[in-house]
PDB file of N, CA and C in Angstrom:
ATOM      1  N   MET A   1    -193.943-269.058 -25.675  1.00  0.00           N
ATOM      2  CA  MET A   1    -195.095-268.112 -26.357  1.00  0.00           C
ATOM      3  C   MET A   1    -195.936-267.781 -25.271  1.00  0.00           C
ATOM      4  N   ASN A   2    -196.140-266.493 -24.421  1.00  0.00           N
ATOM      5  CA  ASN A   2    -197.428-266.209 -23.622  1.00  0.00           C
ATOM      6  C   ASN A   2    -198.399-265.137 -24.312  1.00  0.00           C
ATOM      7  N   LEU A   3    -199.654-265.843 -24.680  1.00  0.00           N
ATOM      8  CA  LEU A   3    -200.513-264.498 -24.959  1.00  0.00           C
ATOM      9  C   LEU A   3    -201.174-263.830 -23.632  1.00  0.00           C
ATOM     10  N   GLU A   4    -201.218-262.830 -23.929  1.00  0.00           N
ATOM     11  CA  GLU A   4    -202.339-261.775 -22.845  1.00  0.00           C
ATOM     12  C   GLU A   4    -203.398-262.004 -23.166  1.00  0.00           C
ATOM     13  N   PRO A   5    -204.111-261.651 -22.057  1.00  0.00           N
ATOM     14  CA  PRO A   5    -205.769-261.616 -22.259  1.00  0.00           C
ATOM     15  C   PRO A   5    -206.182-261.050 -23.507  1.00  0.00           C
ATOM     16  N   ALA A   6    -205.654-259.699 -23.877  1.00  0.00           N
ATOM     17  CA  ALA A   6    -206.282-259.156 -25.065  1.00  0.00           C
ATOM     18  C   ALA A   6    -206.214-259.805 -26.398  1.00  0.00           C
ATOM     19  N   GLN A   7    -205.101-260.558 -26.495  1.00  0.00           N
ATOM     20  CA  GLN A   7    -204.514-261.514 -27.755  1.00  0.00           C
ATOM     21  C   GLN A   7    -205.488-262.505 -27.748  1.00  0.00           C
ATOM     22  N   THR A   8    -205.510-263.020 -26.516  1.00  0.00           N
ATOM     23  CA  THR A   8    -206.493-264.326 -26.363  1.00  0.00           C
ATOM     24  C   THR A   8    -207.999-263.954 -27.027  1.00  0.00           C
ATOM     25  N   PHE A   9    -208.637-263.062 -26.513  1.00  0.00           N
ATOM     26  CA  PHE A   9    -209.913-262.407 -26.597  1.00  0.00           C
ATOM     27  C   PHE A   9    -209.949-262.236 -28.220  1.00  0.00           C
ATOM     28  N   GLN A  10    -209.020-261.801 -28.478  1.00  0.00           N
ATOM     29  CA  GLN A  10    -208.782-261.474 -30.129  1.00  0.00           C
ATOM     30  C   GLN A  10    -208.992-262.480 -30.830  1.00  0.00           C
ATOM     31  N   LEU A  11    -207.785-263.612 -30.769  1.00  0.00           N
ATOM     32  CA  LEU A  11    -208.126-264.601 -31.207  1.00  0.00           C
ATOM     33  C   LEU A  11    -209.503-265.443 -31.232  1.00  0.00           C
ATOM     34  N   VAL A  12    -210.083-265.416 -30.089  1.00  0.00           N
ATOM     35  CA  VAL A  12    -211.234-266.268 -30.076  1.00  0.00           C
ATOM     36  C   VAL A  12    -212.287-265.648 -30.745  1.00  0.00           C
ATOM     37  N   SER A  13    -212.133-264.078 -30.736  1.00  0.00           N
ATOM     38  CA  SER A  13    -213.166-263.556 -31.601  1.00  0.00           C
ATOM     39  C   SER A  13    -213.103-263.377 -33.109  1.00  0.00           C
ATOM     40  N   LEU A  14    -212.115-263.696 -33.485  1.00  0.00           N
ATOM     41  CA  LEU A  14    -211.326-263.853 -34.682  1.00  0.00           C
ATOM     42  C   LEU A  14    -212.136-265.352 -35.177  1.00  0.00           C
ATOM     43  N   LEU A  15    -211.851-266.132 -34.472  1.00  0.00           N
ATOM     44  CA  LEU A  15    -212.525-267.791 -34.726  1.00  0.00           C
ATOM     45  C   LEU A  15    -213.970-267.518 -34.802  1.00  0.00           C
ATOM     46  N   ALA A  16    -214.493-267.131 -33.250  1.00  0.00           N
ATOM     47  CA  ALA A  16    -215.985-266.701 -33.524  1.00  0.00           C
ATOM     48  C   ALA A  16    -216.797-266.378 -35.073  1.00  0.00           C
ATOM     49  N   VAL A  17    -215.743-264.979 -35.643  1.00  0.00           N
ATOM     50  CA  VAL A  17    -216.289-264.486 -36.971  1.00  0.00           C
ATOM     51  C   VAL A  17    -216.415-265.120 -38.158  1.00  0.00           C
ATOM     52  N   LEU A  18    -214.836-266.117 -37.936  1.00  0.00           N
ATOM     53  CA  LEU A  18    -214.606-267.269 -39.131  1.00  0.00           C
ATOM     54  C   LEU A  18    -215.832-268.101 -38.951  1.00  0.00           C
ATOM     55  N   VAL A  19    -216.236-268.579 -37.968  1.00  0.00           N
ATOM     56  CA  VAL A  19    -217.375-269.830 -37.661  1.00  0.00           C
ATOM     57  C   VAL A  19    -218.678-268.973 -38.247  1.00  0.00           C
ATOM     58  N   LEU A  20    -218.794-268.248 -37.789  1.00  0.00           N
ATOM     59  CA  LEU A  20    -220.374-267.192 -38.229  1.00  0.00           C
ATOM     60  C   LEU A  20    -220.299-267.099 -39.618  1.00  0.00           C
ATOM     61  N   PHE A  21    -219.304-266.936 -40.344  1.00  0.00           N
ATOM     62  CA  PHE A  21    -219.177-266.557 -42.071  1.00  0.00           C
ATOM     63  C   PHE A  21    -219.149-267.982 -42.331  1.00  0.00           C
ATOM     64  N   CYS A  22    -218.665-269.238 -42.285  1.00  0.00           N
ATOM     65  CA  CYS A  22    -218.839-270.537 -42.601  1.00  0.00           C
ATOM     66  C   CYS A  22    -220.683-270.612 -42.984  1.00  0.00           C
ATOM     67  N   PHE A  23    -221.410-270.352 -41.764  1.00  0.00           N
ATOM     68  CA  PHE A  23    -222.565-270.994 -41.455  1.00  0.00           C
ATOM     69  C   PHE A  23    -223.229-269.962 -42.355  1.00  0.00           C
ATOM     70  N   SER A  24    -223.092-268.621 -42.734  1.00  0.00           N
ATOM     71  CA  SER A  24    -223.611-267.616 -43.302  1.00  0.00           C
ATOM     72  C   SER A  24    -223.386-268.191 -44.909  1.00  0.00           C
ATOM     73  N   LEU A  25    -222.212-268.491 -45.062  1.00  0.00           N
ATOM     74  CA  LEU A  25    -221.885-268.870 -46.487  1.00  0.00           C
ATOM     75  C   LEU A  25    -223.054-270.320 -47.026  1.00  0.00           C
ATOM     76  N   ARG A  26    -222.479-271.402 -46.288  1.00  0.00           N
ATOM     77  CA  ARG A  26    -223.329-272.547 -46.173  1.00  0.00           C
ATOM     78  C   ARG A  26    -225.088-272.477 -46.519  1.00  0.00           C
ATOM     79  N   ASP A  27    -225.417-271.456 -45.794  1.00  0.00           N
ATOM     80  CA  ASP A  27    -226.734-271.016 -45.698  1.00  0.00           C
ATOM     81  C   ASP A  27    -227.114-270.221 -46.918  1.00  0.00           C
ATOM     82  N   LYS A  28    -226.249-269.299 -47.604  1.00  0.00           N
ATOM     83  CA  LYS A  28    -226.319-268.941 -49.188  1.00  0.00           C
ATOM     84  C   LYS A  28    -226.400-269.536 -50.142  1.00  0.00           C
ATOM     85  N   ILE A  29    -225.386-270.689 -49.850  1.00  0.00           N
ATOM     86  CA  ILE A  29    -225.468-271.804 -51.206  1.00  0.00           C
ATOM     87  C   ILE A  29    -226.423-272.810 -51.288  1.00  0.00           C
ATOM     88  N   ASN A  30    -227.003-273.225 -49.872  1.00  0.00           N
ATOM     89  CA  ASN A  30    -228.065-274.050 -49.875  1.00  0.00           C
ATOM     90  C   ASN A  30    -229.424-273.304 -50.482  1.00  0.00           C
ATOM     91  N   TYR A  31    -229.554-271.862 -50.114  1.00  0.00           N
ATOM     92  CA  TYR A  31    -230.800-271.155 -50.531  1.00  0.00           C
ATOM     93  C   TYR A  31    -230.459-271.029 -52.012  1.00  0.00           C
ATOM     94  N   ARG A  32    -229.407-270.720 -52.493  1.00  0.00           N
ATOM     95  CA  ARG A  32    -229.163-270.552 -54.176  1.00  0.00           C
ATOM     96  C   ARG A  32    -229.482-271.945 -55.021  1.00  0.00           C
ATOM     97  N   ARG A  33    -229.040-273.064 -54.060  1.00  0.00           N
ATOM     98  CA  ARG A  33    -229.170-274.405 -54.621  1.00  0.00           C
ATOM     99  C   ARG A  33    -230.860-274.602 -54.882  1.00  0.00           C
ATOM    100  N   TRP A  34    -231.262-274.028 -53.581  1.00  0.00           N
ATOM    101  CA  TRP A  34    -233.141-274.394 -53.436  1.00  0.00           C
ATOM    102  C   TRP A  34    -233.722-273.479 -54.279  1.00  0.00           C
ATOM    103  N   PHE A  35    -233.412-272.293 -54.798  1.00  0.00           N
ATOM    104  CA  PHE A  35    -234.028-271.440 -55.437  1.00  0.00           C
ATOM    105  C   PHE A  35    -234.206-272.221 -57.154  1.00  0.00           C
ATOM    106  N   ARG A  36    -232.897-272.271 -57.399  1.00  0.00           N
ATOM    107  CA  ARG A  36    -232.540-272.862 -58.632  1.00  0.00           C
ATOM    108  C   ARG A  36    -233.627-273.865 -59.018  1.00  0.00           C
ATOM    109  N   GLN A  37    -233.706-275.091 -57.849  1.00  0.00           N
ATOM    110  CA  GLN A  37    -234.337-276.201 -58.181  1.00  0.00           C
ATOM    111  C   GLN A  37    -235.981-275.964 -58.370  1.00  0.00           C
ATOM    112  N   TRP A  38    -235.924-274.831 -57.484  1.00  0.00           N
ATOM    113  CA  TRP A  38    -237.427-274.307 -57.494  1.00  0.00           C
ATOM    114  C   TRP A  38    -237.967-273.257 -58.938  1.00  0.00           C
ATOM    115  N   GLU A  39    -237.085-272.858 -59.026  1.00  0.00           N
ATOM    116  CA  GLU A  39    -237.079-272.046 -60.541  1.00  0.00           C
ATOM    117  C   GLU A  39    -237.283-273.350 -61.776  1.00  0.00           C
ATOM    118  N   ALA A  40    -236.407-274.158 -61.992  1.00  0.00           N
ATOM    119  CA  ALA A  40    -236.876-274.977 -62.538  1.00  0.00           C
ATOM    120  C   ALA A  40    -237.939-275.921 -62.854  1.00  0.00           C
ATOM    121  N   ASP A  41    -238.494-276.406 -61.719  1.00  0.00           N
ATOM    122  CA  ASP A  41    -239.649-276.998 -61.210  1.00  0.00           C
ATOM    123  C   ASP A  41    -240.831-276.000 -61.774  1.00  0.00           C
ATOM    124  N   ARG A  42    -240.614-274.721 -61.531  1.00  0.00           N
ATOM    125  CA  ARG A  42    -241.313-273.918 -62.100  1.00  0.00           C
ATOM    126  C   ARG A  42    -241.809-273.719 -63.672  1.00  0.00           C
ATOM    127  N   LYS A  43    -240.478-273.713 -64.028  1.00  0.00           N
ATOM    128  CA  LYS A  43    -240.643-273.788 -65.319  1.00  0.00           C
ATOM    129  C   LYS A  43    -241.205-275.039 -66.264  1.00  0.00           C
ATOM    130  N   ALA A  44    -240.683-276.165 -65.855  1.00  0.00           N
ATOM    131  CA  ALA A  44    -241.422-277.267 -66.377  1.00  0.00           C
ATOM    132  C   ALA A  44    -242.865-277.318 -66.189  1.00  0.00           C
ATOM    133  N   ARG A  45    -242.987-277.279 -64.884  1.00  0.00           N
ATOM    134  CA  ARG A  45    -244.878-277.023 -64.764  1.00  0.00           C
ATOM    135  C   ARG A  45    -245.446-275.888 -65.671  1.00  0.00           C
ATOM    136  N   ARG A  46    -244.699-274.952 -66.059  1.00  0.00           N
ATOM    137  CA  ARG A  46    -245.202-273.856 -66.781  1.00  0.00           C
ATOM    138  C   ARG A  46    -245.275-274.553 -68.238  1.00  0.00           C
ATOM    139  N   ASP A  47    -244.310-275.660 -68.541  1.00  0.00           N
ATOM    140  CA  ASP A  47    -244.167-275.426 -69.847  1.00  0.00           C
ATOM    141  C   ASP A  47    -245.193-276.670 -69.834  1.00  0.00           C
ATOM    142  N   ALA A  48    -245.252-277.312 -68.997  1.00  0.00           N
ATOM    143  CA  ALA A  48    -246.530-278.595 -69.272  1.00  0.00           C
ATOM    144  C   ALA A  48    -247.819-278.126 -69.551  1.00  0.00           C
ATOM    145  N   GLU A  49    -248.118-276.915 -68.837  1.00  0.00           N
ATOM    146  CA  GLU A  49    -249.312-276.143 -68.743  1.00  0.00           C
ATOM    147  C   GLU A  49    -249.512-275.472 -70.317  1.00  0.00           C
ATOM    148  N   LEU A  50    -248.498-275.014 -70.904  1.00  0.00           N
ATOM    149  CA  LEU A  50    -248.606-274.270 -72.024  1.00  0.00           C
ATOM    150  C   LEU A  50    -248.856-275.422 -73.379  1.00  0.00           C
ATOM    151  N   ALA A  51    -247.944-276.755 -72.968  1.00  0.00           N
ATOM    152  CA  ALA A  51    -248.278-277.734 -73.828  1.00  0.00           C
ATOM    153  C   ALA A  51    -249.406-278.189 -73.875  1.00  0.00           C
ATOM    154  N   ALA A  52    -249.920-278.551 -72.579  1.00  0.00           N
ATOM    155  CA  ALA A  52    -251.429-279.204 -72.394  1.00  0.00           C
ATOM    156  C   ALA A  52    -252.464-277.612 -73.327  1.00  0.00           C
ATOM    157  N   GLU A  53    -252.330-276.691 -73.042  1.00  0.00           N
ATOM    158  CA  GLU A  53    -253.179-275.710 -73.682  1.00  0.00           C
ATOM    159  C   GLU A  53    -252.969-275.892 -75.142  1.00  0.00           C
ATOM    160  N   ALA A  54    -251.910-276.080 -75.806  1.00  0.00           N
ATOM    161  CA  ALA A  54    -251.476-275.846 -77.083  1.00  0.00           C
ATOM    162  C   ALA A  54    -252.341-277.236 -77.596  1.00  0.00           C
ATOM    163  N   GLY A  55    -251.978-278.439 -76.918  1.00  0.00           N
ATOM    164  CA  GLY A  55    -252.710-279.680 -77.277  1.00  0.00           C
ATOM    165  C   GLY A  55    -254.137-279.476 -77.556  1.00  0.00           C
ATOM    166  N   GLU A  56    -254.737-278.958 -76.591  1.00  0.00           N
ATOM    167  CA  GLU A  56    -256.297-278.835 -76.239  1.00  0.00           C
ATOM    168  C   GLU A  56    -256.788-278.045 -77.452  1.00  0.00           C
ATOM    169  N   SER A  57    -256.470-276.932 -77.694  1.00  0.00           N
ATOM    170  CA  SER A  57    -256.719-275.678 -78.783  1.00  0.00           C
ATOM    171  C   SER A  57    -256.656-276.432 -79.987  1.00  0.00           C
ATOM    172  N   SER A  58    -255.277-277.301 -80.273  1.00  0.00           N
ATOM    173  CA  SER A  58    -255.171-277.575 -81.561  1.00  0.00           C
ATOM    174  C   SER A  58    -256.094-278.756 -82.156  1.00  0.00           C
ATOM    175  N   SER A  59    -256.485-279.717 -81.050  1.00  0.00           N
ATOM    176  CA  SER A  59    -256.737-280.856 -81.292  1.00  0.00           C
ATOM    177  C   SER A  59    -258.527-280.737 -81.571  1.00  0.00           C
ATOM    178  N   GLY A  60    -258.945-279.606 -81.219  1.00  0.00           N
ATOM    179  CA  GLY A  60    -260.384-279.301 -81.660  1.00  0.00           C
ATOM    180  C   GLY A  60    -260.950-278.925 -82.636  1.00  0.00           C
ATOM    181  N   ASP A  61    -260.011-278.037 -83.438  1.00  0.00           N
ATOM    182  CA  ASP A  61    -260.454-277.911 -84.635  1.00  0.00           C
ATOM    183  C   ASP A  61    -259.843-278.488 -86.160  1.00  0.00           C
ATOM    184  N   ASP A  62    -260.451-278.434 -86.548  1.00  0.00           N
ATOM    185  CA  ASP A  62    -260.233-279.215 -88.344  1.00  0.00           C
ATOM    186  C   ASP A  62    -259.378-278.824 -89.405  1.00  0.00           C
ATOM    187  N   ALA A  63    -258.488-278.156 -89.012  1.00  0.00           N
ATOM    188  CA  ALA A  63    -258.132-276.788 -89.425  1.00  0.00           C
ATOM    189  C   ALA A  63    -256.730-277.650 -90.312  1.00  0.00           C
ATOM    190  N   PRO A  64    -256.634-277.880 -91.467  1.00  0.00           N
ATOM    191  CA  PRO A  64    -255.442-278.383 -92.244  1.00  0.00           C
ATOM    192  C   PRO A  64    -253.999-278.503 -91.579  1.00  0.00           C
ATOM    193  N   LYS A  65    -253.802-279.735 -91.624  1.00  0.00           N
ATOM    194  CA  LYS A  65    -252.026-279.611 -91.152  1.00  0.00           C
ATOM    195  C   LYS A  65    -251.082-279.893 -92.292  1.00  0.00           C
ATOM    196  N   GLY A  66    -250.184-279.081 -92.670  1.00  0.00           N
ATOM    197  CA  GLY A  66    -249.150-279.115 -93.344  1.00  0.00           C
ATOM    198  C   GLY A  66    -249.420-278.742 -94.672  1.00  0.00           C
ATOM    199  N   PRO A  67    -248.248-278.760 -95.485  1.00  0.00           N
ATOM    200  CA  PRO A  67    -248.911-278.021 -97.021  1.00  0.00           C
ATOM    201  C   PRO A  67    -249.305-279.092 -98.103  1.00  0.00           C
ATOM    202  N   TRP A  68    -249.820-280.153 -97.344  1.00  0.00           N
ATOM    203  CA  TRP A  68    -250.780-281.159 -98.652  1.00  0.00           C
ATOM    204  C   TRP A  68    -252.015-281.082 -98.183  1.00  0.00           C
ATOM    205  N   SER A  69    -252.559-280.322 -97.346  1.00  0.00           N
ATOM    206  CA  SER A  69    -253.964-280.100 -96.965  1.00  0.00           C
ATOM    207  C   SER A  69    -254.350-279.089 -97.678  1.00  0.00           C
TER     208      SER A  69
END
């Protein structure tokens, strides 16, 4: 089986596009993983801030706590 120059060029081009697609897909997967981790960290920080604010505001006043007060 002999390949003509045009066929060889097409084969090389197809392989190059496949490699480019694989690198692009890998980058998108890594970005998605990073973004999800960043979002989870941001939510954890925000939840900690809200918990700290709630702790500060409720510890300062002497309001009755619970139905028995």
